[in-house]
Each structure stands twice: as C-alpha cells, then as structure tokens.
C-alpha cells in the first residue's frame, strides 16, 4: 500500500470537498468508519437512482446508437494496427 493518498482523489476532494481532508485528520477511527459507511450508502443510493432514471437510460441508449459506428471503426483500426505490429515483431522487426 502506498504511503501517499491518490492524487486523483485528492483533486476531487480539493475541488468539491471543501476542507474535508483537513477536518478528517482529527477524526477518531470510529468517526472515519462512520464516514465510510455514510459515503458508501450515498453511492449505492445514487447508483440506484441512476439505474432507475428513465431519461438517463434513454440518453445512454441514444448515445450508444450515435457513437456505435465511431467506436466500431476505432476498434477496427486499432485491431489492424495491433495486428501489423504483431506481424512486424514476429518477423524480428524492432517496433520500439
């Protein structure tokens, strides 16, 4: 386990969490455990709400339809590139 807190999550807390990191330093272990439970409960509730949001589901489905052709073409070109790299390497070519 790393001794440093993830920079990714630190950025989120600094941007959205106010003084959460500073105020949490003085909390007891029991209070930290309670905060974890509260946060996980909120996450579960939000994820459930997202799953039950008809408008969001409709938009996601529409986005899949619109972006599908792009994704398919990107995946095809990526596969071509990987195959060509594989062929070059199998022939002893340095692709470094």
Protein backbone atom coordinates (compact mmCIF):
# COMPACT_ATOMS: atom_id res chain seq x y z
CA UNK A 1 0.00 0.00 0.00
CA UNK A 2 1.32 3.40 -0.93
CA UNK A 3 2.19 5.96 1.74
CA UNK A 4 0.66 8.72 -0.39
CA UNK A 5 -3.02 9.41 -0.94
CA UNK A 6 -4.11 9.14 -4.56
CA UNK A 7 -3.62 12.42 -6.43
CA UNK A 8 -6.74 11.64 -8.46
CA UNK A 9 -8.97 11.58 -5.37
CA UNK A 10 -7.11 14.44 -3.73
CA UNK A 11 -8.01 16.63 -6.72
CA UNK A 12 -11.68 15.67 -6.37
CA UNK A 13 -11.71 16.45 -2.66
CA UNK A 14 -9.90 19.74 -3.13
CA UNK A 15 -12.29 20.78 -5.89
CA UNK A 16 -15.57 19.55 -4.41
CA UNK A 17 -14.99 18.55 -0.80
CA UNK A 18 -14.09 21.85 0.82
CA UNK A 19 -11.96 21.21 3.88
CA UNK A 20 -12.82 17.51 4.15
CA UNK A 21 -9.20 16.33 4.13
CA UNK A 22 -8.13 18.77 6.84
CA UNK A 23 -11.16 18.19 9.05
CA UNK A 24 -10.86 14.41 8.74
CA UNK A 25 -7.32 14.42 10.14
CA UNK A 26 -8.63 14.99 13.66
CA UNK A 27 -11.49 12.47 13.49
CA UNK A 28 -11.41 9.29 15.55
CA UNK A 29 -11.12 5.93 13.82
CA UNK A 30 -14.77 5.27 14.71
CA UNK A 31 -15.83 8.55 13.07
CA UNK A 32 -13.80 7.69 9.97
CA UNK A 33 -15.53 4.30 9.77
CA UNK A 34 -18.93 6.01 10.12
CA UNK A 35 -17.99 8.38 7.28
CA UNK A 36 -17.05 5.42 5.07
CA UNK A 37 -20.44 3.84 5.74
CA UNK A 38 -22.26 7.11 5.02
CA UNK A 39 -20.35 7.64 1.80
CA UNK A 40 -20.93 4.08 0.60
CA UNK A 41 -24.64 4.39 1.38
CA UNK A 42 -24.88 7.62 -0.61
CA UNK A 43 -23.02 6.00 -3.52
CA UNK A 44 -25.38 2.99 -3.51
CA UNK A 45 -28.44 5.25 -3.42
CA UNK A 46 -27.13 7.44 -6.26
CA UNK A 47 -26.25 4.42 -8.40
CA UNK A 48 -29.75 3.01 -7.82
CA UNK A 49 -31.29 6.36 -8.78
CA UNK A 50 -29.17 6.44 -11.94
CA UNK A 51 -30.26 2.92 -12.85
CA UNK A 52 -33.92 3.90 -12.40
CA UNK A 53 -33.67 7.20 -14.28
CA UNK A 54 -35.65 6.64 -17.49
CA UNK A 55 -34.42 9.83 -19.14
CA UNK A 56 -30.79 8.94 -18.43
CA UNK A 57 -31.31 5.43 -19.80
CA UNK A 58 -32.87 6.89 -22.95
CA UNK A 59 -29.97 9.29 -23.45
CA UNK A 60 -27.43 6.49 -22.88
CA UNK A 61 -29.18 4.33 -25.46
CA UNK A 62 -29.25 7.17 -27.96
CA UNK A 63 -25.55 7.85 -27.34
CA UNK A 64 -24.75 4.18 -27.97
CA UNK A 65 -26.55 4.37 -31.30
CA UNK A 66 -24.83 7.59 -32.35
CA UNK A 67 -21.34 6.65 -31.22
CA UNK A 68 -21.51 2.97 -32.18
CA UNK A 69 -20.25 3.45 -35.72
CA UNK A 70 -17.34 5.55 -34.48
CA UNK A 71 -16.43 3.01 -31.79
CA UNK A 72 -16.62 0.14 -34.28
CA UNK A 73 -14.34 1.94 -36.73
CA UNK A 74 -11.88 2.90 -33.99
CA UNK A 75 -11.77 -0.72 -32.78
CA UNK A 76 -11.25 -1.97 -36.35
CA UNK A 77 -8.35 0.42 -36.93
CA UNK A 78 -6.87 -0.42 -33.52
CA UNK A 79 -7.06 -4.14 -34.35
CA UNK A 80 -5.37 -3.52 -37.73
CA UNK A 81 -2.60 -1.57 -36.02
CA UNK A 82 -2.05 -4.23 -33.35
CA UNK A 83 -2.01 -6.98 -35.98
CA UNK A 84 0.56 -5.13 -38.09
CA UNK A 85 2.73 -4.58 -35.01
CA UNK A 86 2.42 -8.27 -34.18
CA UNK A 87 3.42 -9.24 -37.73
CA UNK A 88 6.45 -6.93 -37.66
CA UNK A 89 7.58 -8.30 -34.29
CA UNK A 90 7.04 -11.90 -35.43
CA UNK A 91 9.36 -11.11 -38.34
CA UNK A 92 12.01 -9.85 -35.97
CA UNK A 93 11.44 -6.17 -36.71
CA UNK A 94 12.12 -3.79 -33.82
CA UNK A 95 8.99 -1.69 -33.28
CA UNK A 96 10.36 0.10 -30.22
